[in-house]
Amino acid sequence: MKRALIIGASGGIGAAMAATLRAGGVAVSGLSRRDDGLDVTDPASVARLMGAFEAPFDLVLIATGILAPEGSAPEKSLAAIDAATMARVLAVNTIGPALILRELPRLLPRDRRSVTGILTARVGSISDNRLGGWYAYRASKAAANQIVRTAAIEIGRTHPEAIVAALHPGTVATPFTAAYPGHSKVPAEQAAGNLLSVMAGLTPAQSGGFFDYSGAELPW
């Protein structure tokens, strides 16, 4: 039986992904702040909870992140930048995935294909930025993309069939996006299916890439 690990398993996309995989006969393990006390910004929390898992996992999804800390919103201008707010967004969206990836190599098989998807966002693309704003969120996702790319190179040296990729899920109807009603959103179950299809189709040669929910490669 194939095994999957979902980080952020209580969130909209994470929960939908776990349910879809279980329905397909995959053994799913999950971690979340709500159910397990995971704090992705705390190295000790990440190491303790990730260290409890036994290898190997065929599929890993890192589906953690925030748009902005509770009580605040993404910045619309330079004047709105707040150092503490920006630090918190970077801690969750950039350092968090890095700490999880640090624990990953021992959990991946060395003798067969595996795929690890890290949810970032199209707004993290520097060359695709046409609207401005959202300084902390954009920067955190751009930095996360660099971490994914770098981790893919390192992991590929010891796990030649491993795929590590940054994924943009689109705008999904979850509490994460509830404050932005003007956007066209897809249900979490549809987003999970889209991402699973993309992950199933990736090859080791595409490891370190940045892809959207349709499988299209996105610009850095």
N, C-alpha and C. Protein backbone atom coordinates (compact mmCIF):
# COMPACT_ATOMS: atom_id res chain seq x y z
N MET A 1 0.84 -1.20 0.00
CA MET A 1 0.00 0.00 0.00
C MET A 1 0.88 1.25 0.00
N LYS A 2 0.52 2.22 -0.83
CA LYS A 2 1.26 3.47 -0.85
C LYS A 2 0.95 4.29 0.39
N ARG A 3 1.91 5.14 0.76
CA ARG A 3 1.78 5.95 1.97
C ARG A 3 1.97 7.42 1.62
N ALA A 4 1.17 8.27 2.27
CA ALA A 4 1.25 9.71 2.04
C ALA A 4 1.32 10.43 3.38
N LEU A 5 1.99 11.58 3.37
CA LEU A 5 2.10 12.43 4.54
C LEU A 5 1.61 13.82 4.17
N ILE A 6 0.61 14.32 4.91
CA ILE A 6 0.05 15.64 4.65
C ILE A 6 0.38 16.54 5.83
N ILE A 7 1.13 17.61 5.58
CA ILE A 7 1.43 18.61 6.60
C ILE A 7 0.46 19.76 6.38
N GLY A 8 -0.35 20.04 7.41
CA GLY A 8 -1.46 20.96 7.25
C GLY A 8 -2.73 20.20 6.96
N ALA A 9 -2.86 19.04 7.59
CA ALA A 9 -3.94 18.10 7.24
C ALA A 9 -5.31 18.55 7.69
N SER A 10 -5.40 19.56 8.57
CA SER A 10 -6.72 20.02 8.99
C SER A 10 -7.21 21.20 8.19
N GLY A 11 -6.37 21.75 7.31
CA GLY A 11 -6.77 22.87 6.46
C GLY A 11 -7.64 22.40 5.32
N GLY A 12 -8.19 23.35 4.58
CA GLY A 12 -9.11 23.00 3.50
C GLY A 12 -8.50 22.09 2.46
N ILE A 13 -7.37 22.48 1.89
CA ILE A 13 -6.74 21.67 0.85
C ILE A 13 -6.14 20.41 1.44
N GLY A 14 -5.48 20.52 2.59
CA GLY A 14 -4.87 19.35 3.21
C GLY A 14 -5.89 18.29 3.56
N ALA A 15 -7.01 18.70 4.14
CA ALA A 15 -8.05 17.74 4.52
C ALA A 15 -8.66 17.09 3.28
N ALA A 16 -8.89 17.88 2.24
CA ALA A 16 -9.46 17.33 1.01
C ALA A 16 -8.49 16.37 0.35
N MET A 17 -7.21 16.69 0.37
CA MET A 17 -6.20 15.81 -0.21
C MET A 17 -6.15 14.49 0.56
N ALA A 18 -6.18 14.57 1.89
CA ALA A 18 -6.15 13.35 2.71
C ALA A 18 -7.36 12.48 2.42
N ALA A 19 -8.55 13.07 2.33
CA ALA A 19 -9.76 12.31 2.06
C ALA A 19 -9.71 11.65 0.69
N THR A 20 -9.22 12.38 -0.30
CA THR A 20 -9.14 11.84 -1.66
C THR A 20 -8.17 10.67 -1.72
N LEU A 21 -7.03 10.81 -1.07
CA LEU A 21 -6.04 9.74 -1.07
C LEU A 21 -6.57 8.51 -0.34
N ARG A 22 -7.20 8.71 0.80
CA ARG A 22 -7.74 7.56 1.54
C ARG A 22 -8.80 6.83 0.73
N ALA A 23 -9.62 7.59 0.01
CA ALA A 23 -10.64 6.96 -0.83
C ALA A 23 -10.01 6.13 -1.93
N GLY A 24 -8.78 6.46 -2.32
CA GLY A 24 -8.06 5.70 -3.33
C GLY A 24 -7.20 4.59 -2.77
N GLY A 25 -7.33 4.31 -1.48
CA GLY A 25 -6.60 3.20 -0.88
C GLY A 25 -5.22 3.52 -0.40
N VAL A 26 -4.89 4.81 -0.27
CA VAL A 26 -3.57 5.21 0.22
C VAL A 26 -3.62 5.36 1.74
N ALA A 27 -2.59 4.91 2.41
CA ALA A 27 -2.47 5.09 3.86
C ALA A 27 -1.95 6.49 4.13
N VAL A 28 -2.75 7.31 4.80
CA VAL A 28 -2.42 8.73 4.97
C VAL A 28 -2.09 9.04 6.43
N SER A 29 -0.96 9.69 6.64
CA SER A 29 -0.61 10.27 7.93
C SER A 29 -0.68 11.78 7.79
N GLY A 30 -1.02 12.46 8.88
CA GLY A 30 -1.14 13.90 8.80
C GLY A 30 -0.64 14.60 10.04
N LEU A 31 -0.29 15.87 9.87
CA LEU A 31 0.07 16.74 10.97
C LEU A 31 -0.62 18.08 10.77
N SER A 32 -1.04 18.69 11.88
CA SER A 32 -1.61 20.02 11.81
C SER A 32 -1.46 20.70 13.17
N ARG A 33 -1.61 22.00 13.15
CA ARG A 33 -1.59 22.74 14.42
C ARG A 33 -2.79 22.36 15.27
N ARG A 34 -3.97 22.29 14.64
CA ARG A 34 -5.20 22.03 15.40
C ARG A 34 -5.20 20.67 16.07
N ASP A 35 -4.79 19.64 15.34
CA ASP A 35 -4.91 18.28 15.85
C ASP A 35 -3.66 17.77 16.57
N ASP A 36 -2.51 18.32 16.24
CA ASP A 36 -1.25 17.78 16.77
C ASP A 36 -0.38 18.80 17.47
N GLY A 37 -0.79 20.07 17.44
CA GLY A 37 0.03 21.10 18.06
C GLY A 37 1.25 21.48 17.27
N LEU A 38 1.24 21.17 15.97
CA LEU A 38 2.40 21.50 15.14
C LEU A 38 2.56 23.01 15.02
N ASP A 39 3.74 23.50 15.32
CA ASP A 39 4.10 24.89 15.10
C ASP A 39 5.25 24.90 14.11
N VAL A 40 4.95 25.23 12.85
CA VAL A 40 5.97 25.14 11.81
C VAL A 40 7.08 26.17 11.99
N THR A 41 6.85 27.15 12.86
CA THR A 41 7.90 28.15 13.11
C THR A 41 8.83 27.75 14.25
N ASP A 42 8.55 26.63 14.89
CA ASP A 42 9.33 26.16 16.04
C ASP A 42 10.12 24.91 15.64
N PRO A 43 11.44 25.01 15.50
CA PRO A 43 12.23 23.85 15.08
C PRO A 43 12.03 22.62 15.96
N ALA A 44 11.87 22.83 17.27
CA ALA A 44 11.69 21.68 18.17
C ALA A 44 10.37 20.98 17.92
N SER A 45 9.31 21.75 17.66
CA SER A 45 8.01 21.17 17.37
C SER A 45 8.06 20.36 16.07
N VAL A 46 8.66 20.93 15.05
CA VAL A 46 8.77 20.23 13.76
C VAL A 46 9.59 18.96 13.90
N ALA A 47 10.74 19.06 14.55
CA ALA A 47 11.62 17.90 14.69
C ALA A 47 10.96 16.79 15.51
N ARG A 48 10.26 17.16 16.57
CA ARG A 48 9.63 16.15 17.42
C ARG A 48 8.52 15.41 16.68
N LEU A 49 7.65 16.15 16.02
CA LEU A 49 6.50 15.52 15.37
C LEU A 49 6.90 14.79 14.09
N MET A 50 7.79 15.39 13.31
CA MET A 50 8.26 14.71 12.09
C MET A 50 9.11 13.50 12.45
N GLY A 51 9.84 13.59 13.56
CA GLY A 51 10.70 12.49 13.97
C GLY A 51 9.95 11.25 14.40
N ALA A 52 8.65 11.38 14.65
CA ALA A 52 7.85 10.23 15.07
C ALA A 52 7.45 9.34 13.90
N PHE A 53 7.62 9.82 12.67
CA PHE A 53 7.20 9.05 11.50
C PHE A 53 8.29 8.08 11.06
N GLU A 54 7.85 6.95 10.55
CA GLU A 54 8.75 5.95 9.98
C GLU A 54 8.69 6.04 8.46
N ALA A 55 9.82 5.87 7.83
CA ALA A 55 9.92 5.92 6.37
C ALA A 55 9.43 4.58 5.78
N PRO A 56 9.08 4.58 4.47
CA PRO A 56 9.11 5.71 3.56
C PRO A 56 7.70 6.19 3.21
N PHE A 57 7.62 7.43 2.71
CA PHE A 57 6.38 7.98 2.18
C PHE A 57 6.55 8.17 0.67
N ASP A 58 5.53 7.76 -0.08
CA ASP A 58 5.56 7.92 -1.53
C ASP A 58 5.13 9.31 -1.97
N LEU A 59 4.29 9.95 -1.15
CA LEU A 59 3.78 11.29 -1.47
C LEU A 59 3.77 12.13 -0.21
N VAL A 60 4.27 13.36 -0.33
CA VAL A 60 4.25 14.32 0.77
C VAL A 60 3.66 15.62 0.24
N LEU A 61 2.75 16.21 1.01
CA LEU A 61 2.23 17.53 0.67
C LEU A 61 2.42 18.45 1.87
N ILE A 62 3.05 19.60 1.63
CA ILE A 62 3.19 20.63 2.66
C ILE A 62 2.19 21.73 2.31
N ALA A 63 1.12 21.79 3.09
CA ALA A 63 -0.01 22.67 2.78
C ALA A 63 -0.26 23.65 3.91
N THR A 64 0.80 24.23 4.44
CA THR A 64 0.69 25.19 5.52
C THR A 64 0.89 26.60 4.98
N GLY A 65 0.39 27.60 5.70
CA GLY A 65 0.62 28.98 5.28
C GLY A 65 -0.45 29.93 5.77
N ILE A 66 -0.12 31.22 5.73
CA ILE A 66 -1.07 32.28 6.08
C ILE A 66 -0.96 33.40 5.05
N LEU A 67 -2.08 34.09 4.84
CA LEU A 67 -2.05 35.30 4.03
C LEU A 67 -1.48 36.46 4.84
N ALA A 68 -1.90 36.52 6.10
CA ALA A 68 -1.45 37.55 7.02
C ALA A 68 -1.78 37.07 8.43
N PRO A 69 -1.10 37.58 9.45
CA PRO A 69 -1.44 37.20 10.82
C PRO A 69 -2.87 37.60 11.15
N GLU A 70 -3.45 36.90 12.11
CA GLU A 70 -4.82 37.21 12.52
C GLU A 70 -4.94 38.67 12.93
N GLY A 71 -5.97 39.32 12.40
CA GLY A 71 -6.20 40.73 12.72
C GLY A 71 -5.56 41.70 11.75
N SER A 72 -4.82 41.18 10.77
CA SER A 72 -4.20 42.06 9.78
C SER A 72 -4.53 41.54 8.39
N ALA A 73 -4.09 42.26 7.37
CA ALA A 73 -4.37 41.90 5.98
C ALA A 73 -3.14 42.17 5.14
N PRO A 74 -3.04 41.54 3.96
CA PRO A 74 -1.90 41.82 3.09
C PRO A 74 -1.79 43.32 2.78
N GLU A 75 -0.56 43.80 2.74
CA GLU A 75 -0.32 45.23 2.53
C GLU A 75 -0.71 45.66 1.12
N LYS A 76 -1.32 46.83 1.02
CA LYS A 76 -1.65 47.39 -0.29
C LYS A 76 -0.63 48.45 -0.72
N SER A 77 0.24 48.86 0.20
CA SER A 77 1.20 49.92 -0.13
C SER A 77 2.44 49.76 0.74
N LEU A 78 3.52 50.44 0.34
CA LEU A 78 4.73 50.45 1.13
C LEU A 78 4.47 51.01 2.53
N ALA A 79 3.58 51.99 2.62
CA ALA A 79 3.30 52.62 3.90
C ALA A 79 2.68 51.64 4.89
N ALA A 80 2.09 50.57 4.39
CA ALA A 80 1.41 49.61 5.27
C ALA A 80 2.35 48.54 5.81
N ILE A 81 3.61 48.54 5.36
CA ILE A 81 4.54 47.49 5.81
C ILE A 81 4.80 47.64 7.31
N ASP A 82 4.67 46.51 8.02
CA ASP A 82 4.95 46.46 9.44
C ASP A 82 5.96 45.35 9.68
N ALA A 83 7.04 45.65 10.36
CA ALA A 83 8.13 44.68 10.50
C ALA A 83 7.69 43.41 11.20
N ALA A 84 6.94 43.52 12.27
CA ALA A 84 6.53 42.33 13.01
C ALA A 84 5.58 41.46 12.19
N THR A 85 4.68 42.10 11.47
CA THR A 85 3.75 41.36 10.62
C THR A 85 4.50 40.63 9.52
N MET A 86 5.44 41.33 8.89
CA MET A 86 6.21 40.71 7.82
C MET A 86 7.03 39.54 8.35
N ALA A 87 7.62 39.70 9.52
CA ALA A 87 8.43 38.62 10.10
C ALA A 87 7.57 37.39 10.37
N ARG A 88 6.34 37.60 10.82
CA ARG A 88 5.46 36.46 11.10
C ARG A 88 5.08 35.73 9.81
N VAL A 89 4.76 36.47 8.76
CA VAL A 89 4.41 35.84 7.49
C VAL A 89 5.59 35.04 6.94
N LEU A 90 6.78 35.60 7.01
CA LEU A 90 7.97 34.88 6.54
C LEU A 90 8.26 33.66 7.41
N ALA A 91 8.02 33.77 8.71
CA ALA A 91 8.25 32.63 9.60
C ALA A 91 7.36 31.46 9.24
N VAL A 92 6.09 31.74 8.97
CA VAL A 92 5.13 30.66 8.66
C VAL A 92 5.30 30.15 7.23
N ASN A 93 5.40 31.06 6.27
CA ASN A 93 5.34 30.67 4.86
C ASN A 93 6.68 30.27 4.26
N THR A 94 7.78 30.70 4.86
CA THR A 94 9.10 30.41 4.31
C THR A 94 9.92 29.51 5.22
N ILE A 95 10.09 29.95 6.46
CA ILE A 95 10.90 29.15 7.39
C ILE A 95 10.19 27.85 7.74
N GLY A 96 8.87 27.89 7.88
CA GLY A 96 8.11 26.68 8.19
C GLY A 96 8.34 25.56 7.19
N PRO A 97 8.09 25.77 5.90
CA PRO A 97 8.38 24.72 4.93
C PRO A 97 9.85 24.29 4.92
N ALA A 98 10.76 25.23 5.16
CA ALA A 98 12.19 24.87 5.20
C ALA A 98 12.47 23.90 6.34
N LEU A 99 11.87 24.15 7.51
CA LEU A 99 12.08 23.25 8.65
C LEU A 99 11.49 21.87 8.38
N ILE A 100 10.36 21.82 7.70
CA ILE A 100 9.77 20.52 7.35
C ILE A 100 10.64 19.80 6.32
N LEU A 101 11.10 20.52 5.32
CA LEU A 101 11.96 19.91 4.30
C LEU A 101 13.26 19.39 4.92
N ARG A 102 13.74 20.04 5.95
CA ARG A 102 14.95 19.58 6.63
C ARG A 102 14.79 18.17 7.17
N GLU A 103 13.57 17.80 7.55
CA GLU A 103 13.30 16.48 8.11
C GLU A 103 12.95 15.45 7.04
N LEU A 104 12.83 15.87 5.79
CA LEU A 104 12.25 15.03 4.75
C LEU A 104 13.14 13.91 4.21
N PRO A 105 14.43 14.14 3.97
CA PRO A 105 15.21 13.12 3.26
C PRO A 105 15.12 11.72 3.84
N ARG A 106 15.11 11.58 5.15
CA ARG A 106 15.07 10.23 5.73
C ARG A 106 13.71 9.55 5.55
N LEU A 107 12.69 10.35 5.18
CA LEU A 107 11.34 9.80 5.05
C LEU A 107 10.99 9.42 3.61
N LEU A 108 11.89 9.67 2.68
CA LEU A 108 11.62 9.36 1.27
C LEU A 108 12.34 8.08 0.86
N PRO A 109 11.73 7.29 -0.02
CA PRO A 109 12.40 6.08 -0.51
C PRO A 109 13.56 6.44 -1.43
N ARG A 110 14.61 5.68 -1.36
CA ARG A 110 15.77 5.90 -2.23
C ARG A 110 15.73 5.05 -3.49
N ASP A 111 14.87 4.02 -3.49
CA ASP A 111 14.89 3.05 -4.57
C ASP A 111 13.70 3.14 -5.51
N ARG A 112 12.86 4.17 -5.35
CA ARG A 112 11.71 4.31 -6.23
C ARG A 112 11.23 5.76 -6.22
N ARG A 113 10.28 6.03 -7.09
CA ARG A 113 9.75 7.38 -7.25
C ARG A 113 9.01 7.84 -5.99
N SER A 114 9.19 9.12 -5.67
CA SER A 114 8.36 9.79 -4.66
C SER A 114 8.11 11.20 -5.15
N VAL A 115 7.07 11.82 -4.63
CA VAL A 115 6.78 13.20 -5.03
C VAL A 115 6.38 13.99 -3.80
N THR A 116 7.02 15.15 -3.67
CA THR A 116 6.72 16.07 -2.58
C THR A 116 6.27 17.39 -3.18
N GLY A 117 5.08 17.82 -2.80
CA GLY A 117 4.54 19.09 -3.27
C GLY A 117 4.49 20.09 -2.14
N ILE A 118 4.94 21.29 -2.40
CA ILE A 118 4.90 22.36 -1.41
C ILE A 118 4.00 23.45 -1.98
N LEU A 119 2.91 23.75 -1.28
CA LEU A 119 2.01 24.78 -1.78
C LEU A 119 2.64 26.16 -1.59
N THR A 120 2.90 26.83 -2.71
CA THR A 120 3.33 28.22 -2.65
C THR A 120 2.21 29.04 -3.31
N ALA A 121 2.52 29.91 -4.23
CA ALA A 121 1.45 30.70 -4.85
C ALA A 121 2.01 31.41 -6.07
N ARG A 122 1.15 31.60 -7.05
CA ARG A 122 1.58 32.31 -8.26
C ARG A 122 2.05 33.73 -7.94
N VAL A 123 1.47 34.35 -6.92
CA VAL A 123 1.89 35.71 -6.59
C VAL A 123 3.32 35.75 -6.06
N GLY A 124 3.91 34.58 -5.80
CA GLY A 124 5.31 34.53 -5.45
C GLY A 124 6.24 34.65 -6.64
N SER A 125 5.67 34.61 -7.84
CA SER A 125 6.48 34.78 -9.05
C SER A 125 6.91 36.23 -9.18
N ILE A 126 8.22 36.47 -9.27
CA ILE A 126 8.72 37.83 -9.40
C ILE A 126 8.44 38.38 -10.80
N SER A 127 8.68 37.58 -11.82
CA SER A 127 8.51 38.07 -13.19
C SER A 127 7.04 38.21 -13.57
N ASP A 128 6.14 37.54 -12.85
CA ASP A 128 4.71 37.62 -13.18
C ASP A 128 4.00 38.71 -12.38
N ASN A 129 4.72 39.45 -11.55
CA ASN A 129 4.10 40.47 -10.70
C ASN A 129 3.77 41.71 -11.52
N ARG A 130 2.48 41.93 -11.74
CA ARG A 130 2.03 43.10 -12.52
C ARG A 130 1.19 44.06 -11.68
N LEU A 131 0.77 43.64 -10.49
CA LEU A 131 -0.17 44.44 -9.71
C LEU A 131 0.45 45.10 -8.48
N GLY A 132 1.57 44.58 -8.00
CA GLY A 132 2.18 45.11 -6.80
C GLY A 132 1.38 44.74 -5.55
N GLY A 133 1.75 45.36 -4.43
CA GLY A 133 1.06 45.07 -3.18
C GLY A 133 1.42 43.72 -2.60
N TRP A 134 0.81 43.39 -1.47
CA TRP A 134 0.99 42.09 -0.81
C TRP A 134 2.48 41.79 -0.59
N TYR A 135 3.20 42.75 -0.05
CA TYR A 135 4.65 42.65 0.05
C TYR A 135 5.10 41.41 0.82
N ALA A 136 4.59 41.23 2.02
CA ALA A 136 5.06 40.12 2.85
C ALA A 136 4.69 38.78 2.24
N TYR A 137 3.45 38.65 1.78
CA TYR A 137 3.00 37.36 1.24
C TYR A 137 3.77 37.02 -0.02
N ARG A 138 3.90 37.99 -0.93
CA ARG A 138 4.66 37.74 -2.16
C ARG A 138 6.11 37.35 -1.85
N ALA A 139 6.74 38.09 -0.96
CA ALA A 139 8.14 37.82 -0.63
C ALA A 139 8.29 36.45 0.02
N SER A 140 7.35 36.10 0.90
CA SER A 140 7.44 34.81 1.58
C SER A 140 7.31 33.65 0.62
N LYS A 141 6.46 33.80 -0.38
CA LYS A 141 6.27 32.72 -1.34
C LYS A 141 7.41 32.66 -2.35
N ALA A 142 7.96 33.82 -2.73
CA ALA A 142 9.13 33.82 -3.60
C ALA A 142 10.30 33.14 -2.91
N ALA A 143 10.49 33.43 -1.62
CA ALA A 143 11.57 32.80 -0.86
C ALA A 143 11.31 31.30 -0.70
N ALA A 144 10.05 30.93 -0.47
CA ALA A 144 9.72 29.51 -0.36
C ALA A 144 10.04 28.78 -1.67
N ASN A 145 9.76 29.42 -2.79
CA ASN A 145 10.09 28.80 -4.08
C ASN A 145 11.58 28.53 -4.20
N GLN A 146 12.40 29.46 -3.74
CA GLN A 146 13.85 29.26 -3.80
C GLN A 146 14.27 28.10 -2.90
N ILE A 147 13.65 27.98 -1.74
CA ILE A 147 13.96 26.87 -0.84
C ILE A 147 13.57 25.54 -1.47
N VAL A 148 12.41 25.50 -2.12
CA VAL A 148 11.98 24.27 -2.80
C VAL A 148 12.98 23.89 -3.89
N ARG A 149 13.37 24.86 -4.69
CA ARG A 149 14.32 24.61 -5.77
C ARG A 149 15.64 24.06 -5.23
N THR A 150 16.14 24.67 -4.18
CA THR A 150 17.41 24.27 -3.61
C THR A 150 17.32 22.90 -2.95
N ALA A 151 16.22 22.65 -2.24
CA ALA A 151 16.02 21.35 -1.60
C ALA A 151 15.92 20.25 -2.64
N ALA A 152 15.27 20.54 -3.77
CA ALA A 152 15.13 19.53 -4.83
C ALA A 152 16.50 19.11 -5.35
N ILE A 153 17.41 20.06 -5.49
CA ILE A 153 18.75 19.74 -5.98
C ILE A 153 19.46 18.83 -4.99
N GLU A 154 19.41 19.18 -3.72
CA GLU A 154 20.10 18.39 -2.70
C GLU A 154 19.50 16.99 -2.57
N ILE A 155 18.18 16.91 -2.47
CA ILE A 155 17.51 15.62 -2.30
C ILE A 155 17.75 14.73 -3.51
N GLY A 156 17.82 15.34 -4.69
CA GLY A 156 18.04 14.56 -5.90
C GLY A 156 19.38 13.86 -5.95
N ARG A 157 20.35 14.33 -5.19
CA ARG A 157 21.68 13.70 -5.17
C ARG A 157 21.64 12.33 -4.50
N THR A 158 20.77 12.17 -3.52
CA THR A 158 20.70 10.91 -2.78
C THR A 158 19.43 10.11 -3.08
N HIS A 159 18.44 10.78 -3.68
CA HIS A 159 17.17 10.14 -4.02
C HIS A 159 16.87 10.47 -5.48
N PRO A 160 17.51 9.76 -6.42
CA PRO A 160 17.44 10.14 -7.83
C PRO A 160 16.06 10.11 -8.45
N GLU A 161 15.13 9.39 -7.85
CA GLU A 161 13.77 9.34 -8.41
C GLU A 161 12.79 10.23 -7.64
N ALA A 162 13.32 11.02 -6.70
CA ALA A 162 12.46 11.91 -5.94
C ALA A 162 12.12 13.16 -6.74
N ILE A 163 10.89 13.62 -6.58
CA ILE A 163 10.42 14.86 -7.20
C ILE A 163 9.99 15.79 -6.08
N VAL A 164 10.54 17.00 -6.08
CA VAL A 164 10.18 18.02 -5.11
C VAL A 164 9.77 19.25 -5.90
N ALA A 165 8.55 19.73 -5.73
CA ALA A 165 8.05 20.80 -6.59
C ALA A 165 7.20 21.80 -5.82
N ALA A 166 7.27 23.05 -6.24
CA ALA A 166 6.38 24.10 -5.74
C ALA A 166 5.10 24.06 -6.55
N LEU A 167 3.96 24.16 -5.86
CA LEU A 167 2.66 24.02 -6.52
C LEU A 167 1.76 25.21 -6.19
N HIS A 168 1.12 25.74 -7.23
CA HIS A 168 0.11 26.79 -7.05
C HIS A 168 -1.26 26.15 -7.22
N PRO A 169 -2.09 26.12 -6.15
CA PRO A 169 -3.36 25.41 -6.23
C PRO A 169 -4.49 26.19 -6.87
N GLY A 170 -4.26 27.46 -7.23
CA GLY A 170 -5.35 28.31 -7.66
C GLY A 170 -6.02 28.92 -6.44
N THR A 171 -7.13 29.63 -6.67
CA THR A 171 -7.87 30.22 -5.56
C THR A 171 -8.93 29.22 -5.12
N VAL A 172 -8.82 28.74 -3.91
CA VAL A 172 -9.64 27.64 -3.42
C VAL A 172 -10.60 28.15 -2.36
N ALA A 173 -11.80 27.63 -2.36
CA ALA A 173 -12.84 28.05 -1.41
C ALA A 173 -12.56 27.42 -0.04
N THR A 174 -11.75 28.10 0.75
CA THR A 174 -11.41 27.66 2.11
C THR A 174 -11.44 28.89 3.03
N PRO A 175 -11.39 28.70 4.35
CA PRO A 175 -11.29 29.86 5.25
C PRO A 175 -10.10 30.76 4.93
N PHE A 176 -9.05 30.19 4.34
CA PHE A 176 -7.85 30.94 3.95
C PHE A 176 -8.20 32.10 3.01
N THR A 177 -9.18 31.89 2.13
CA THR A 177 -9.52 32.90 1.13
C THR A 177 -10.88 33.54 1.37
N ALA A 178 -11.46 33.31 2.54
CA ALA A 178 -12.83 33.78 2.80
C ALA A 178 -12.95 35.29 2.72
N ALA A 179 -11.89 36.01 3.01
CA ALA A 179 -11.95 37.48 3.01
C ALA A 179 -11.86 38.08 1.61
N TYR A 180 -11.76 37.23 0.58
CA TYR A 180 -11.59 37.72 -0.79
C TYR A 180 -12.69 37.15 -1.68
N PRO A 181 -13.94 37.66 -1.50
CA PRO A 181 -15.09 37.08 -2.19
C PRO A 181 -15.11 37.35 -3.68
N GLY A 182 -14.34 38.31 -4.17
CA GLY A 182 -14.39 38.65 -5.58
C GLY A 182 -13.67 37.68 -6.49
N HIS A 183 -12.89 36.77 -5.91
CA HIS A 183 -12.11 35.85 -6.72
C HIS A 183 -12.95 34.64 -7.12
N SER A 184 -12.66 34.10 -8.30
CA SER A 184 -13.28 32.85 -8.73
C SER A 184 -12.59 31.70 -8.01
N LYS A 185 -13.37 30.93 -7.27
CA LYS A 185 -12.79 29.90 -6.42
C LYS A 185 -13.30 28.53 -6.81
N VAL A 186 -12.45 27.51 -6.56
CA VAL A 186 -12.86 26.13 -6.79
C VAL A 186 -12.98 25.44 -5.44
N PRO A 187 -13.84 24.44 -5.32
CA PRO A 187 -13.95 23.70 -4.06
C PRO A 187 -12.64 23.02 -3.71
N ALA A 188 -12.42 22.82 -2.42
CA ALA A 188 -11.17 22.20 -1.97
C ALA A 188 -11.00 20.81 -2.56
N GLU A 189 -12.10 20.07 -2.70
CA GLU A 189 -12.02 18.71 -3.25
C GLU A 189 -11.53 18.73 -4.70
N GLN A 190 -11.99 19.73 -5.46
CA GLN A 190 -11.54 19.85 -6.86
C GLN A 190 -10.07 20.24 -6.90
N ALA A 191 -9.68 21.16 -6.02
CA ALA A 191 -8.28 21.58 -5.97
C ALA A 191 -7.38 20.40 -5.62
N ALA A 192 -7.82 19.58 -4.67
CA ALA A 192 -7.02 18.41 -4.29
C ALA A 192 -6.86 17.46 -5.45
N GLY A 193 -7.94 17.22 -6.17
CA GLY A 193 -7.86 16.35 -7.34
C GLY A 193 -6.93 16.90 -8.40
N ASN A 194 -7.01 18.22 -8.62
CA ASN A 194 -6.12 18.84 -9.60
C ASN A 194 -4.65 18.67 -9.21
N LEU A 195 -4.35 18.91 -7.94
CA LEU A 195 -2.97 18.82 -7.49
C LEU A 195 -2.46 17.38 -7.54
N LEU A 196 -3.31 16.43 -7.20
CA LEU A 196 -2.90 15.03 -7.28
C LEU A 196 -2.60 14.63 -8.72
N SER A 197 -3.38 15.13 -9.65
CA SER A 197 -3.13 14.83 -11.06
C SER A 197 -1.79 15.41 -11.51
N VAL A 198 -1.51 16.64 -11.07
CA VAL A 198 -0.23 17.26 -11.42
C VAL A 198 0.92 16.47 -10.82
N MET A 199 0.82 16.12 -9.54
CA MET A 199 1.89 15.39 -8.88
C MET A 199 2.10 14.02 -9.51
N ALA A 200 1.02 13.38 -9.94
CA ALA A 200 1.13 12.06 -10.56
C ALA A 200 1.86 12.14 -11.90
N GLY A 201 1.77 13.28 -12.57
CA GLY A 201 2.36 13.41 -13.89
C GLY A 201 3.78 13.94 -13.93
N LEU A 202 4.29 14.40 -12.81
CA LEU A 202 5.65 14.97 -12.79
C LEU A 202 6.71 13.87 -12.86
N THR A 203 7.83 14.20 -13.47
CA THR A 203 8.95 13.28 -13.59
C THR A 203 10.14 13.82 -12.80
N PRO A 204 11.11 12.97 -12.48
CA PRO A 204 12.30 13.47 -11.78
C PRO A 204 13.01 14.61 -12.50
N ALA A 205 12.92 14.64 -13.81
CA ALA A 205 13.55 15.73 -14.56
C ALA A 205 12.88 17.07 -14.27
N GLN A 206 11.65 17.05 -13.76
CA GLN A 206 10.92 18.28 -13.44
C GLN A 206 11.05 18.67 -11.98
N SER A 207 11.80 17.89 -11.21
CA SER A 207 11.99 18.22 -9.79
C SER A 207 12.63 19.60 -9.66
N GLY A 208 12.15 20.36 -8.69
CA GLY A 208 12.63 21.72 -8.51
C GLY A 208 11.85 22.74 -9.30
N GLY A 209 10.80 22.32 -10.00
CA GLY A 209 10.00 23.23 -10.79
C GLY A 209 8.86 23.85 -10.02
N PHE A 210 8.15 24.77 -10.68
CA PHE A 210 7.05 25.54 -10.11
C PHE A 210 5.87 25.38 -11.07
N PHE A 211 4.80 24.74 -10.59
CA PHE A 211 3.69 24.35 -11.46
C PHE A 211 2.36 24.78 -10.88
N ASP A 212 1.39 25.08 -11.78
CA ASP A 212 0.06 25.40 -11.29
C ASP A 212 -0.82 24.17 -11.32
N TYR A 213 -2.08 24.36 -10.94
CA TYR A 213 -3.04 23.27 -10.79
C TYR A 213 -3.36 22.56 -12.10
N SER A 214 -3.00 23.14 -13.24
CA SER A 214 -3.23 22.47 -14.52
C SER A 214 -1.99 21.73 -15.00
N GLY A 215 -0.88 21.88 -14.27
CA GLY A 215 0.38 21.27 -14.68
C GLY A 215 1.26 22.20 -15.47
N ALA A 216 0.80 23.42 -15.73
CA ALA A 216 1.61 24.39 -16.48
C ALA A 216 2.76 24.88 -15.62
N GLU A 217 3.95 25.01 -16.21
CA GLU A 217 5.10 25.52 -15.48
C GLU A 217 4.99 27.03 -15.36
N LEU A 218 5.23 27.53 -14.15
CA LEU A 218 5.09 28.96 -13.88
C LEU A 218 6.45 29.63 -13.90
N PRO A 219 6.49 30.93 -14.23
CA PRO A 219 7.76 31.67 -14.24
C PRO A 219 8.20 31.99 -12.83
N TRP A 220 9.51 32.03 -12.63
CA TRP A 220 10.04 32.40 -11.31
C TRP A 220 9.91 33.91 -11.10
